[in-house]
Amino acid sequence: MTFPVYMTGLMMGLSLIVAIGAQNAFVLRQGLRREHVFAVCLTCGVSDAILILLGVTSLRQIAAMLPWLDPAMRFGGAAFLTWYGAKSLRSAIRSSGALTVGEEVSSRFWPTFATCLALTWLNPHVYLDTVVLLGTIATRFPGQEMLFAAGAMSASFLFFFALGYGAKWLRPIFSRPSAWRVLDLAIAAVMWMIAYRLLSGM
């Protein structure tokens, strides 16, 4: 019974995280540029692990103690995603450069790290997936909740590192400036779509 519970957590975690979102788009972009990939992937994985642990152990207590958290996270997250989408659109319009094989790291670590944290912790959808959904599903396995959580945590680390380091296979495509413009436009669209859904309560 032990292995199936772990695998259930792993598969549920993967099914929730694979969907395109602000966090995934950022990890993909960092992987393509080879900028702070390990730190970004590790930050996303650890953040998910903390939220999953909170969901499995404290879901009911959190909901009762912080009724204001949901609207605060929705509006704060929407504001940040709107700004980040505008930044990506500006990059798509102004950018004329292409990714070269020998390109050096150009962005500083701390701004990149701060953006990664914001895209994770200011996105209410992350809380819905990790804290609420996985926390609720874990209750189906009394006495083995932590095993389920371990599977879900493993899914996050597996996915983010695969996305960040697997992006290198797409580098030949992004040697063309037009490909970067398309990516930046797609990222802007994703950010604004998520922001709209947050504000409309979808």
C-alpha atoms as a PDB file:
ATOM      1  CA  MET A   1       0.000   0.000   0.000  1.00  0.00           C
ATOM      2  CA  THR A   2       2.989   2.301   0.682  1.00  0.00           C
ATOM      3  CA  PHE A   3       4.199   2.634  -2.919  1.00  0.00           C
ATOM      4  CA  PRO A   4       0.731   3.305  -4.420  1.00  0.00           C
ATOM      5  CA  VAL A   5       0.132   6.161  -1.955  1.00  0.00           C
ATOM      6  CA  TYR A   6       3.469   7.758  -2.880  1.00  0.00           C
ATOM      7  CA  MET A   7       2.746   7.273  -6.585  1.00  0.00           C
ATOM      8  CA  THR A   8      -0.731   8.761  -6.169  1.00  0.00           C
ATOM      9  CA  GLY A   9       0.845  11.875  -4.680  1.00  0.00           C
ATOM     10  CA  LEU A  10       3.435  11.960  -7.465  1.00  0.00           C
ATOM     11  CA  MET A  11       0.867  11.652 -10.256  1.00  0.00           C
ATOM     12  CA  MET A  12      -1.529  14.154  -8.679  1.00  0.00           C
ATOM     13  CA  GLY A  13       1.309  16.628  -8.215  1.00  0.00           C
ATOM     14  CA  LEU A  14       2.408  16.279 -11.840  1.00  0.00           C
ATOM     15  CA  SER A  15      -1.131  16.587 -13.174  1.00  0.00           C
ATOM     16  CA  LEU A  16      -1.611  19.893 -11.352  1.00  0.00           C
ATOM     17  CA  ILE A  17       1.784  21.428 -12.080  1.00  0.00           C
ATOM     18  CA  VAL A  18       2.142  20.599 -15.791  1.00  0.00           C
ATOM     19  CA  ALA A  19      -0.521  23.115 -16.841  1.00  0.00           C
ATOM     20  CA  ILE A  20       1.045  26.304 -18.279  1.00  0.00           C
ATOM     21  CA  GLY A  21       1.204  29.136 -15.803  1.00  0.00           C
ATOM     22  CA  ALA A  22       3.212  32.144 -14.701  1.00  0.00           C
ATOM     23  CA  GLN A  23       5.689  30.110 -12.682  1.00  0.00           C
ATOM     24  CA  ASN A  24       6.315  27.554 -15.436  1.00  0.00           C
ATOM     25  CA  ALA A  25       6.732  30.226 -18.094  1.00  0.00           C
ATOM     26  CA  PHE A  26       9.369  31.940 -15.941  1.00  0.00           C
ATOM     27  CA  VAL A  27      11.293  28.704 -15.345  1.00  0.00           C
ATOM     28  CA  LEU A  28      11.221  27.965 -19.083  1.00  0.00           C
ATOM     29  CA  ARG A  29      12.576  31.405 -19.915  1.00  0.00           C
ATOM     30  CA  GLN A  30      15.386  31.109 -17.377  1.00  0.00           C
ATOM     31  CA  GLY A  31      16.257  27.669 -18.724  1.00  0.00           C
ATOM     32  CA  LEU A  32      16.424  28.974 -22.275  1.00  0.00           C
ATOM     33  CA  ARG A  33      18.728  31.804 -21.219  1.00  0.00           C
ATOM     34  CA  ARG A  34      20.733  29.566 -18.846  1.00  0.00           C
ATOM     35  CA  GLU A  35      20.411  32.169 -16.117  1.00  0.00           C
ATOM     36  CA  HIS A  36      20.374  31.020 -12.480  1.00  0.00           C
ATOM     37  CA  VAL A  37      18.598  27.807 -13.542  1.00  0.00           C
ATOM     38  CA  PHE A  38      19.492  25.727 -10.482  1.00  0.00           C
ATOM     39  CA  ALA A  39      18.494  28.460  -8.019  1.00  0.00           C
ATOM     40  CA  VAL A  40      15.198  29.116  -9.821  1.00  0.00           C
ATOM     41  CA  CYS A  41      14.268  25.419 -10.022  1.00  0.00           C
ATOM     42  CA  LEU A  42      15.261  24.837  -6.395  1.00  0.00           C
ATOM     43  CA  THR A  43      13.275  27.877  -5.219  1.00  0.00           C
ATOM     44  CA  CYS A  44      10.147  26.702  -7.039  1.00  0.00           C
ATOM     45  CA  GLY A  45      10.533  23.146  -5.748  1.00  0.00           C
ATOM     46  CA  VAL A  46      11.135  24.177  -2.125  1.00  0.00           C
ATOM     47  CA  SER A  47       8.254  26.682  -2.236  1.00  0.00           C
ATOM     48  CA  ASP A  48       5.881  24.002  -3.507  1.00  0.00           C
ATOM     49  CA  ALA A  49       7.119  21.574  -0.862  1.00  0.00           C
ATOM     50  CA  ILE A  50       6.392  24.105   1.915  1.00  0.00           C
ATOM     51  CA  LEU A  51       2.901  24.784   0.571  1.00  0.00           C
ATOM     52  CA  ILE A  52       2.108  21.090   0.125  1.00  0.00           C
ATOM     53  CA  LEU A  53       3.236  20.429   3.696  1.00  0.00           C
ATOM     54  CA  LEU A  54       0.997  23.256   4.912  1.00  0.00           C
ATOM     55  CA  GLY A  55      -1.947  21.834   2.984  1.00  0.00           C
ATOM     56  CA  VAL A  56      -1.500  18.307   4.290  1.00  0.00           C
ATOM     57  CA  THR A  57      -0.985  19.320   7.915  1.00  0.00           C
ATOM     58  CA  SER A  58      -2.846  22.607   8.428  1.00  0.00           C
ATOM     59  CA  LEU A  59      -5.517  23.180   5.753  1.00  0.00           C
ATOM     60  CA  ARG A  60      -8.499  23.433   8.092  1.00  0.00           C
ATOM     61  CA  GLN A  61      -6.717  25.634  10.626  1.00  0.00           C
ATOM     62  CA  ILE A  62      -5.478  28.071   7.940  1.00  0.00           C
ATOM     63  CA  ALA A  63      -8.939  28.536   6.423  1.00  0.00           C
ATOM     64  CA  ALA A  64     -10.481  29.225   9.835  1.00  0.00           C
ATOM     65  CA  MET A  65      -7.780  31.618  11.057  1.00  0.00           C
ATOM     66  CA  LEU A  66      -7.244  33.712   7.894  1.00  0.00           C
ATOM     67  CA  PRO A  67     -10.541  34.345   6.087  1.00  0.00           C
ATOM     68  CA  TRP A  68      -9.053  37.489   4.501  1.00  0.00           C
ATOM     69  CA  LEU A  69      -6.169  35.633   2.870  1.00  0.00           C
ATOM     70  CA  ASP A  70      -7.991  34.603  -0.305  1.00  0.00           C
ATOM     71  CA  PRO A  71      -9.085  38.095  -1.478  1.00  0.00           C
ATOM     72  CA  ALA A  72      -5.734  39.594  -0.460  1.00  0.00           C
ATOM     73  CA  MET A  73      -3.808  37.025  -2.478  1.00  0.00           C
ATOM     74  CA  ARG A  74      -6.132  37.374  -5.471  1.00  0.00           C
ATOM     75  CA  PHE A  75      -5.729  41.139  -5.787  1.00  0.00           C
ATOM     76  CA  GLY A  76      -2.033  41.182  -4.931  1.00  0.00           C
ATOM     77  CA  GLY A  77      -1.324  38.375  -7.373  1.00  0.00           C
ATOM     78  CA  ALA A  78      -3.360  40.015 -10.138  1.00  0.00           C
ATOM     79  CA  ALA A  79      -1.453  43.279  -9.722  1.00  0.00           C
ATOM     80  CA  PHE A  80       1.918  41.573  -9.936  1.00  0.00           C
ATOM     81  CA  LEU A  81       0.945  39.418 -12.924  1.00  0.00           C
ATOM     82  CA  THR A  82      -0.384  42.469 -14.766  1.00  0.00           C
ATOM     83  CA  TRP A  83       2.937  44.241 -14.246  1.00  0.00           C
ATOM     84  CA  TYR A  84       4.964  41.205 -15.299  1.00  0.00           C
ATOM     85  CA  GLY A  85       2.826  40.758 -18.427  1.00  0.00           C
ATOM     86  CA  ALA A  86       3.428  44.397 -19.372  1.00  0.00           C
ATOM     87  CA  LYS A  87       7.156  43.864 -18.871  1.00  0.00           C
ATOM     88  CA  SER A  88       7.094  40.837 -21.196  1.00  0.00           C
ATOM     89  CA  LEU A  89       5.117  42.752 -23.825  1.00  0.00           C
ATOM     90  CA  ARG A  90       7.636  45.607 -23.670  1.00  0.00           C
ATOM     91  CA  SER A  91      10.435  43.082 -24.123  1.00  0.00           C
ATOM     92  CA  ALA A  92       8.661  41.571 -27.158  1.00  0.00           C
ATOM     93  CA  ILE A  93       8.269  44.990 -28.783  1.00  0.00           C
ATOM     94  CA  ARG A  94      11.757  46.292 -28.086  1.00  0.00           C
ATOM     95  CA  SER A  95      13.876  43.151 -28.326  1.00  0.00           C
ATOM     96  CA  SER A  96      15.959  42.661 -31.442  1.00  0.00           C
ATOM     97  CA  GLY A  97      18.514  40.247 -30.058  1.00  0.00           C
ATOM     98  CA  ALA A  98      18.814  36.501 -30.438  1.00  0.00           C
ATOM     99  CA  LEU A  99      20.051  33.827 -28.080  1.00  0.00           C
ATOM    100  CA  THR A 100      23.603  32.814 -28.931  1.00  0.00           C
ATOM    101  CA  VAL A 101      25.305  29.603 -27.909  1.00  0.00           C
ATOM    102  CA  GLY A 102      27.987  31.377 -25.919  1.00  0.00           C
ATOM    103  CA  GLU A 103      25.734  33.911 -24.244  1.00  0.00           C
ATOM    104  CA  GLU A 104      26.816  34.877 -20.735  1.00  0.00           C
ATOM    105  CA  VAL A 105      24.509  35.414 -17.784  1.00  0.00           C
ATOM    106  CA  SER A 106      23.201  38.949 -18.057  1.00  0.00           C
ATOM    107  CA  SER A 107      20.564  39.265 -15.340  1.00  0.00           C
ATOM    108  CA  ARG A 108      21.505  39.724 -11.702  1.00  0.00           C
ATOM    109  CA  PHE A 109      20.719  36.988  -9.204  1.00  0.00           C
ATOM    110  CA  TRP A 110      18.678  38.855  -6.591  1.00  0.00           C
ATOM    111  CA  PRO A 111      16.142  40.463  -8.967  1.00  0.00           C
ATOM    112  CA  THR A 112      15.694  37.076 -10.636  1.00  0.00           C
ATOM    113  CA  PHE A 113      15.269  35.378  -7.263  1.00  0.00           C
ATOM    114  CA  ALA A 114      12.744  38.011  -6.122  1.00  0.00           C
ATOM    115  CA  THR A 115      10.724  37.592  -9.323  1.00  0.00           C
ATOM    116  CA  CYS A 116      10.716  33.824  -8.864  1.00  0.00           C
ATOM    117  CA  LEU A 117       9.425  34.174  -5.294  1.00  0.00           C
ATOM    118  CA  ALA A 118       6.747  36.650  -6.349  1.00  0.00           C
ATOM    119  CA  LEU A 119       5.504  34.458  -9.199  1.00  0.00           C
ATOM    120  CA  THR A 120       5.191  31.605  -6.715  1.00  0.00           C
ATOM    121  CA  TRP A 121       3.930  33.179  -3.501  1.00  0.00           C
ATOM    122  CA  LEU A 122       1.703  35.888  -5.011  1.00  0.00           C
ATOM    123  CA  ASN A 123      -0.179  33.441  -7.243  1.00  0.00           C
ATOM    124  CA  PRO A 124      -3.380  32.225  -5.532  1.00  0.00           C
ATOM    125  CA  HIS A 125      -3.625  29.360  -8.043  1.00  0.00           C
ATOM    126  CA  VAL A 126      -0.506  27.895  -6.454  1.00  0.00           C
ATOM    127  CA  TYR A 127      -2.291  27.854  -3.099  1.00  0.00           C
ATOM    128  CA  LEU A 128      -5.377  26.304  -4.657  1.00  0.00           C
ATOM    129  CA  ASP A 129      -3.333  23.491  -6.203  1.00  0.00           C
ATOM    130  CA  THR A 130      -0.885  22.795  -3.401  1.00  0.00           C
ATOM    131  CA  VAL A 131      -2.621  23.747  -0.158  1.00  0.00           C
ATOM    132  CA  VAL A 132      -6.295  23.197  -0.965  1.00  0.00           C
ATOM    133  CA  LEU A 133      -6.496  20.445  -3.600  1.00  0.00           C
ATOM    134  CA  LEU A 134      -3.536  18.310  -2.524  1.00  0.00           C
ATOM    135  CA  GLY A 135      -4.341  18.932   1.132  1.00  0.00           C
ATOM    136  CA  THR A 136      -7.896  17.732   0.568  1.00  0.00           C
ATOM    137  CA  ILE A 137      -6.845  14.649  -1.416  1.00  0.00           C
ATOM    138  CA  ALA A 138      -4.340  13.709   1.290  1.00  0.00           C
ATOM    139  CA  THR A 139      -7.222  13.214   3.738  1.00  0.00           C
ATOM    140  CA  ARG A 140      -8.193  10.123   1.712  1.00  0.00           C
ATOM    141  CA  PHE A 141      -5.111   8.374   3.095  1.00  0.00           C
ATOM    142  CA  PRO A 142      -5.436   8.532   6.901  1.00  0.00           C
ATOM    143  CA  GLY A 143      -2.144   7.780   8.582  1.00  0.00           C
ATOM    144  CA  GLN A 144      -0.259   8.076   5.297  1.00  0.00           C
ATOM    145  CA  GLU A 145      -0.763  11.758   4.522  1.00  0.00           C
ATOM    146  CA  MET A 146       2.953  12.475   4.696  1.00  0.00           C
ATOM    147  CA  LEU A 147       3.699   9.728   2.196  1.00  0.00           C
ATOM    148  CA  PHE A 148       1.210  11.292  -0.193  1.00  0.00           C
ATOM    149  CA  ALA A 149       2.830  14.677   0.453  1.00  0.00           C
ATOM    150  CA  ALA A 150       6.277  13.216  -0.294  1.00  0.00           C
ATOM    151  CA  GLY A 151       5.031  12.017  -3.679  1.00  0.00           C
ATOM    152  CA  ALA A 152       3.543  15.427  -4.510  1.00  0.00           C
ATOM    153  CA  MET A 153       6.741  17.195  -3.421  1.00  0.00           C
ATOM    154  CA  SER A 154       8.817  14.871  -5.594  1.00  0.00           C
ATOM    155  CA  ALA A 155       6.610  15.792  -8.564  1.00  0.00           C
ATOM    156  CA  SER A 156       7.390  19.488  -8.102  1.00  0.00           C
ATOM    157  CA  PHE A 157      11.152  19.004  -7.941  1.00  0.00           C
ATOM    158  CA  LEU A 158      11.084  16.574 -10.864  1.00  0.00           C
ATOM    159  CA  PHE A 159       9.018  18.875 -13.061  1.00  0.00           C
ATOM    160  CA  PHE A 160      10.839  22.139 -12.368  1.00  0.00           C
ATOM    161  CA  PHE A 161      14.327  20.706 -12.852  1.00  0.00           C
ATOM    162  CA  ALA A 162      13.220  18.854 -16.005  1.00  0.00           C
ATOM    163  CA  LEU A 163      11.700  22.075 -17.380  1.00  0.00           C
ATOM    164  CA  GLY A 164      14.625  24.303 -16.428  1.00  0.00           C
ATOM    165  CA  TYR A 165      17.402  22.053 -17.704  1.00  0.00           C
ATOM    166  CA  GLY A 166      15.402  20.489 -20.538  1.00  0.00           C
ATOM    167  CA  ALA A 167      14.870  23.926 -22.055  1.00  0.00           C
ATOM    168  CA  LYS A 168      18.380  23.725 -23.540  1.00  0.00           C
ATOM    169  CA  TRP A 169      17.025  21.437 -26.270  1.00  0.00           C
ATOM    170  CA  LEU A 170      14.959  24.388 -27.490  1.00  0.00           C
ATOM    171  CA  ARG A 171      17.919  26.774 -27.695  1.00  0.00           C
ATOM    172  CA  PRO A 172      18.429  26.348 -31.485  1.00  0.00           C
ATOM    173  CA  ILE A 173      14.876  27.568 -32.021  1.00  0.00           C
ATOM    174  CA  PHE A 174      15.487  30.608 -29.841  1.00  0.00           C
ATOM    175  CA  SER A 175      18.585  31.622 -31.756  1.00  0.00           C
ATOM    176  CA  ARG A 176      16.159  33.686 -33.839  1.00  0.00           C
ATOM    177  CA  PRO A 177      14.878  37.021 -32.464  1.00  0.00           C
ATOM    178  CA  SER A 178      11.363  36.254 -33.736  1.00  0.00           C
ATOM    179  CA  ALA A 179      11.159  33.192 -31.475  1.00  0.00           C
ATOM    180  CA  TRP A 180      11.920  35.336 -28.411  1.00  0.00           C
ATOM    181  CA  ARG A 181       9.235  37.805 -29.412  1.00  0.00           C
ATOM    182  CA  VAL A 182       6.693  34.998 -29.701  1.00  0.00           C
ATOM    183  CA  LEU A 183       7.724  33.612 -26.295  1.00  0.00           C
ATOM    184  CA  ASP A 184       7.496  37.026 -24.632  1.00  0.00           C
ATOM    185  CA  LEU A 185       4.089  37.650 -26.208  1.00  0.00           C
ATOM    186  CA  ALA A 186       2.890  34.224 -25.036  1.00  0.00           C
ATOM    187  CA  ILE A 187       4.163  34.922 -21.507  1.00  0.00           C
ATOM    188  CA  ALA A 188       2.386  38.305 -21.472  1.00  0.00           C
ATOM    189  CA  ALA A 189      -0.854  36.650 -22.609  1.00  0.00           C
ATOM    190  CA  VAL A 190      -0.587  33.950 -19.926  1.00  0.00           C
ATOM    191  CA  MET A 191       0.107  36.508 -17.184  1.00  0.00           C
ATOM    192  CA  TRP A 192      -2.838  38.706 -18.162  1.00  0.00           C
ATOM    193  CA  MET A 193      -5.182  35.750 -18.568  1.00  0.00           C
ATOM    194  CA  ILE A 194      -4.359  34.518 -15.058  1.00  0.00           C
ATOM    195  CA  ALA A 195      -4.703  38.060 -13.664  1.00  0.00           C
ATOM    196  CA  TYR A 196      -8.137  38.384 -15.286  1.00  0.00           C
ATOM    197  CA  ARG A 197      -9.271  35.084 -13.846  1.00  0.00           C
ATOM    198  CA  LEU A 198      -8.086  36.118 -10.395  1.00  0.00           C
ATOM    199  CA  LEU A 199      -9.993  39.404 -10.521  1.00  0.00           C
ATOM    200  CA  SER A 200     -13.138  37.830 -11.975  1.00  0.00           C
ATOM    201  CA  GLY A 201     -13.112  35.043  -9.391  1.00  0.00           C
ATOM    202  CA  MET A 202     -12.873  32.263 -12.000  1.00  0.00           C
END
